[in-house]
Protein backbone atom coordinates (compact mmCIF):
# COMPACT_ATOMS: atom_id res chain seq x y z
CA MET A 1 122.24 104.84 94.63
CA ALA A 2 121.67 103.82 90.99
CA GLU A 3 124.87 105.64 89.94
CA GLY A 4 126.82 103.78 92.62
CA VAL A 5 125.50 100.42 91.43
CA GLU A 6 126.43 101.22 87.83
CA LEU A 7 129.90 102.36 88.86
CA VAL A 8 130.65 99.22 90.84
CA SER A 9 129.26 97.03 88.06
CA ASN A 10 131.41 98.73 85.44
CA LEU A 11 134.63 98.70 87.42
CA ILE A 12 134.70 95.27 89.02
CA THR A 13 134.07 91.82 87.65
CA ARG A 14 131.35 89.67 89.14
CA TYR A 15 133.98 87.17 90.26
CA THR A 16 135.86 89.81 92.27
CA ILE A 17 132.77 90.85 94.19
CA VAL A 18 131.79 87.24 94.90
CA GLU A 19 135.33 86.42 96.00
CA TYR A 20 135.55 89.27 98.49
CA LEU A 21 132.01 89.31 99.81
CA TYR A 22 131.25 85.60 99.94
CA LEU A 23 134.53 83.71 99.98
CA ARG A 24 136.79 85.99 101.98
CA LYS A 25 134.10 87.55 104.22
CA PRO A 26 131.57 84.73 104.67
CA SER A 27 130.40 85.72 108.14
CA MET A 28 129.59 89.34 107.41
CA ALA A 29 126.29 91.01 106.58
CA LYS A 30 126.43 91.32 102.80
CA ASP A 31 123.82 94.08 102.47
CA GLN A 32 125.82 96.31 104.80
CA LEU A 33 129.04 95.69 102.90
CA ILE A 34 127.42 96.34 99.52
CA GLN A 35 125.98 99.57 100.90
CA ALA A 36 129.47 100.63 101.94
CA LEU A 37 130.78 99.87 98.44
CA LEU A 38 128.12 102.08 96.88
CA GLU A 39 129.43 105.08 98.81
CA ILE A 40 132.76 105.10 96.93
CA LYS A 41 133.42 107.01 93.72
CA THR A 42 136.46 105.86 91.73
CA GLU A 43 138.06 102.62 90.58
CA GLU A 44 140.95 103.08 92.98
CA ASN A 45 138.46 103.63 95.82
CA VAL A 46 136.65 100.45 94.90
CA TYR A 47 139.65 98.14 95.01
CA TYR A 48 140.96 99.77 98.19
CA ALA A 49 137.58 99.34 99.91
CA LEU A 50 137.32 95.71 98.89
CA THR A 51 140.63 94.93 100.55
CA LYS A 52 139.89 97.07 103.62
CA LEU A 53 136.29 96.07 104.36
CA PRO A 54 135.73 95.55 108.11
CA ARG A 55 136.71 92.11 109.30
CA LYS A 56 134.31 92.14 112.21
CA LEU A 57 130.57 92.63 111.97
CA ASN A 58 130.64 95.24 114.74
CA GLU A 59 132.99 97.36 112.65
CA SER A 60 130.55 97.21 109.77
CA TYR A 61 127.72 98.23 112.08
CA ASN A 62 129.85 101.07 113.43
CA ILE A 63 130.07 102.47 109.91
CA ILE A 64 126.31 102.30 109.43
CA TYR A 65 125.58 103.79 112.86
CA SER A 66 127.98 106.66 112.14
CA GLN A 67 126.11 107.36 108.91
CA ILE A 68 122.86 107.51 110.89
CA CYS A 69 124.31 109.82 113.53
CA ASP A 70 125.89 112.13 110.95
CA SER A 71 122.67 112.64 108.98
CA TYR A 72 120.72 115.90 109.14
CA TYR A 73 118.44 116.75 112.07
CA PRO A 74 115.97 115.37 113.06
CA ASN A 75 116.88 112.08 111.37
CA PRO A 76 119.36 110.85 114.03
CA ASP A 77 116.78 111.41 116.77
CA ILE A 78 114.06 109.66 114.78
CA ALA A 79 116.40 106.72 114.16
CA THR A 80 117.26 106.48 117.86
CA ARG A 81 113.60 106.44 118.87
CA THR A 82 112.79 103.86 116.21
CA LEU A 83 115.60 101.53 117.23
CA LYS A 84 114.70 101.84 120.91
CA TRP A 85 111.09 100.97 120.22
CA LEU A 86 112.06 97.95 118.14
CA LEU A 87 114.27 96.75 120.99
CA CYS A 88 111.61 96.95 123.70
CA ALA A 89 108.20 96.65 121.98
CA GLN A 90 106.08 93.99 123.62
CA ARG A 91 104.78 92.70 120.31
CA LEU A 92 105.37 93.22 116.61
CA MET A 93 104.20 96.72 115.74
CA LYS A 94 102.44 97.56 112.51
CA SER A 95 104.23 100.18 110.46
CA PHE A 96 101.63 102.83 111.25
CA GLU A 97 101.89 102.05 114.99
CA LEU A 98 105.64 102.45 115.04
CA ILE A 99 105.39 105.74 113.15
CA ALA A 100 102.83 106.91 115.71
CA ALA A 101 105.26 106.00 118.48
CA VAL A 102 108.28 107.84 117.07
CA PHE A 103 106.86 110.80 115.15
CA VAL A 104 107.27 113.22 118.08
CA ASP A 105 110.30 113.96 120.28
CA SER A 106 110.42 114.79 124.00
CA ASP A 107 110.12 118.51 123.22
CA GLY A 108 106.93 118.04 121.23
CA HIS A 109 108.51 118.50 117.80
CA ALA A 110 106.55 116.36 115.34
CA SER A 111 107.69 114.92 112.02
CA VAL A 112 105.48 113.64 109.23
CA LEU A 113 106.86 110.19 108.42
CA SER A 114 106.20 107.35 106.01
CA PRO A 115 107.43 103.73 106.13
CA ALA A 116 109.92 104.61 103.40
CA ASP A 117 111.26 107.44 105.58
CA ILE A 118 111.85 105.06 108.49
CA LEU A 119 113.75 102.62 106.28
CA SER A 120 115.88 105.39 104.81
CA ILE A 121 116.63 107.07 108.15
CA CYS A 122 117.56 103.78 109.86
CA CYS A 123 119.68 102.57 106.92
CA ASN A 124 120.18 98.80 107.01
CA PHE A 125 119.29 98.33 110.66
CA VAL A 126 115.54 98.09 110.01
CA LEU A 127 113.41 96.21 107.53
CA LEU A 128 109.71 96.21 106.67
CA ASP A 129 107.80 93.00 106.12
CA ALA A 130 105.49 94.15 103.33
CA GLU A 131 103.19 91.15 103.72
CA GLN A 132 102.59 91.60 107.45
CA GLY A 133 103.13 95.36 107.45
CA VAL A 134 105.48 95.29 110.43
CA PHE A 135 108.92 96.75 111.10
CA SER A 136 111.71 94.75 112.70
CA LEU A 137 115.46 94.85 113.18
CA THR A 138 117.22 93.24 110.24
CA HIS A 139 119.03 90.59 112.27
CA LEU A 140 119.62 89.37 115.82
CA SER A 141 123.18 90.69 115.51
CA VAL A 142 121.79 94.23 115.12
CA ARG A 143 119.94 93.85 118.42
CA GLU A 144 123.10 92.57 120.09
CA TYR A 145 125.13 95.43 118.64
CA LEU A 146 122.71 98.09 119.85
CA GLU A 147 122.23 96.57 123.30
CA SER A 148 125.99 96.59 123.80
CA GLY A 149 125.87 100.40 123.90
CA SER A 150 124.71 102.38 126.94
CA GLU A 151 122.19 104.40 124.90
CA TYR A 152 120.17 101.28 124.14
CA GLY A 153 120.10 99.59 127.52
CA LEU A 154 116.93 98.17 129.05
CA ILE A 155 116.24 101.27 131.17
CA GLU A 156 116.79 103.69 128.27
CA THR A 157 114.58 101.84 125.80
CA HIS A 158 111.70 101.12 128.15
CA THR A 159 111.78 104.67 129.56
CA LEU A 160 111.20 106.07 126.09
CA ALA A 161 108.30 103.68 125.45
CA PHE A 162 106.79 104.24 128.90
CA GLU A 163 106.79 108.03 128.57
CA ARG A 164 105.38 107.94 125.03
CA CYS A 165 102.58 105.61 126.14
CA LEU A 166 101.62 107.99 128.94
CA ASP A 167 101.68 110.94 126.52
CA VAL A 168 98.84 109.28 124.62
CA TYR A 169 96.59 109.67 127.66
CA MET A 170 97.92 112.95 129.02
CA MET A 171 97.21 115.24 126.09
CA ASP A 172 94.77 117.87 127.36
CA PRO A 173 92.68 119.15 124.43
CA THR A 174 91.02 121.77 126.64
CA SER A 175 94.20 123.75 127.42
CA ASN A 176 95.41 124.31 123.86
CA GLU A 177 94.02 123.17 120.56
CA PRO A 178 96.03 120.00 119.86
CA GLU A 179 97.65 119.53 116.51
CA LYS A 180 95.66 117.34 114.19
CA LEU A 181 98.67 115.10 113.51
CA ALA A 182 99.23 114.46 117.22
CA VAL A 183 95.58 113.57 117.76
CA GLN A 184 95.65 111.11 114.85
CA GLN A 185 98.91 109.47 115.92
CA ASN A 186 97.89 109.19 119.56
CA LYS A 187 94.67 107.50 118.50
CA ILE A 188 96.69 104.96 116.49
CA LEU A 189 99.07 104.22 119.36
CA LYS A 190 96.39 104.13 122.07
CA PRO A 191 95.58 100.37 121.86
CA TYR A 192 99.25 99.52 122.36
CA ALA A 193 99.76 102.17 125.04
CA GLY A 194 96.73 101.04 127.01
CA LEU A 195 97.91 97.44 127.15
CA TYR A 196 101.63 97.86 127.67
CA TRP A 197 102.50 101.12 129.47
CA ALA A 198 102.57 99.26 132.78
CA ILE A 199 104.89 96.57 131.36
CA HIS A 200 107.35 99.22 130.20
CA HIS A 201 107.11 100.84 133.62
CA ARG A 202 107.81 97.50 135.31
CA ASN A 203 111.09 97.28 133.41
CA ILE A 204 112.35 100.64 134.70
CA GLU A 205 111.23 100.51 138.34
CA SER A 206 114.69 99.48 139.46
CA SER A 207 116.06 102.85 138.30
CA TYR A 208 113.94 104.84 140.77
CA LEU A 209 115.23 106.04 144.09
CA ALA A 210 113.68 104.16 147.01
CA GLY A 211 110.13 105.37 147.63
CA SER A 212 110.16 107.86 144.74
CA VAL A 213 107.65 108.16 141.89
CA PRO A 214 108.76 109.68 138.57
CA ASP A 215 107.06 112.91 137.56
CA GLU A 216 105.53 111.38 134.45
CA LEU A 217 103.81 108.64 136.44
CA SER A 218 102.72 111.02 139.20
CA GLN A 219 101.13 113.39 136.68
CA PHE A 220 99.39 110.47 135.04
CA LEU A 221 97.99 108.98 138.25
CA TYR A 222 97.11 112.06 140.28
CA TRP A 223 95.45 115.43 139.92
CA GLY A 224 95.89 117.03 143.30
CA THR A 225 94.06 114.70 145.68
CA THR A 226 92.03 112.98 142.96
CA ALA A 227 92.77 110.58 140.13
CA GLY A 228 94.48 112.17 137.15
CA PRO A 229 92.47 112.66 133.95
CA GLY A 230 94.94 110.51 132.01
CA PHE A 231 94.49 107.66 134.48
CA THR A 232 90.70 107.90 134.36
CA LYS A 233 90.81 107.85 130.54
CA TRP A 234 92.87 104.69 130.70
CA LEU A 235 90.45 103.08 133.16
CA SER A 236 87.52 104.06 130.96
CA ASP A 237 89.20 102.56 127.89
CA GLY A 238 89.84 99.36 129.83
CA GLU A 239 86.17 99.04 130.80
CA SER A 240 85.10 99.48 127.17
CA ARG A 241 87.48 96.82 125.85
């Protein structure tokens, strides 16, 4: 990154950058455009990029999203989970809460993450308010861009959050020794999960077949003919709050 900044500074006058980024492209997200400039290597590349920068914000976001998707595994999956959570979270989530929500995938693969990792993996789509300690999308236009794609629809985002919230209560420490990381992260996410799993479920009810109950919810609510252990844990937590 530092080499890219030095290269652009050495090759282009301040006036040229201001002219292209602020006078000719006034409606575009400047941070995203500057990031694109830093990816180029030669003087010829620089001047070509300045004249060919995307004219529409969506095109700029397409470039960034492609960079996210083309990164090494598991980064694209972590980014997808992070963006989905930021789209559907019922309140601002502290950085440690969001990490607890996205650190594990649907197959149980866990990743040790820091706030800096989240920012790097999600490129310019996510920012961290250092004072409040919360993550958010960088701009309303990012939300609109993501929601325009089928992968980030209401059902898809809330399904991810709903299933992760239930996972917090459905870990069975008696069957296999749980990983220490999972125990710690589930404990962090539990206050959010306890309050909002039902809200996330409410948002996806319309996707169920008439009269059907999804497996995740059935396993949470029932254990044979009795209440499921996850459900009783949730009830117990509610009584103690």
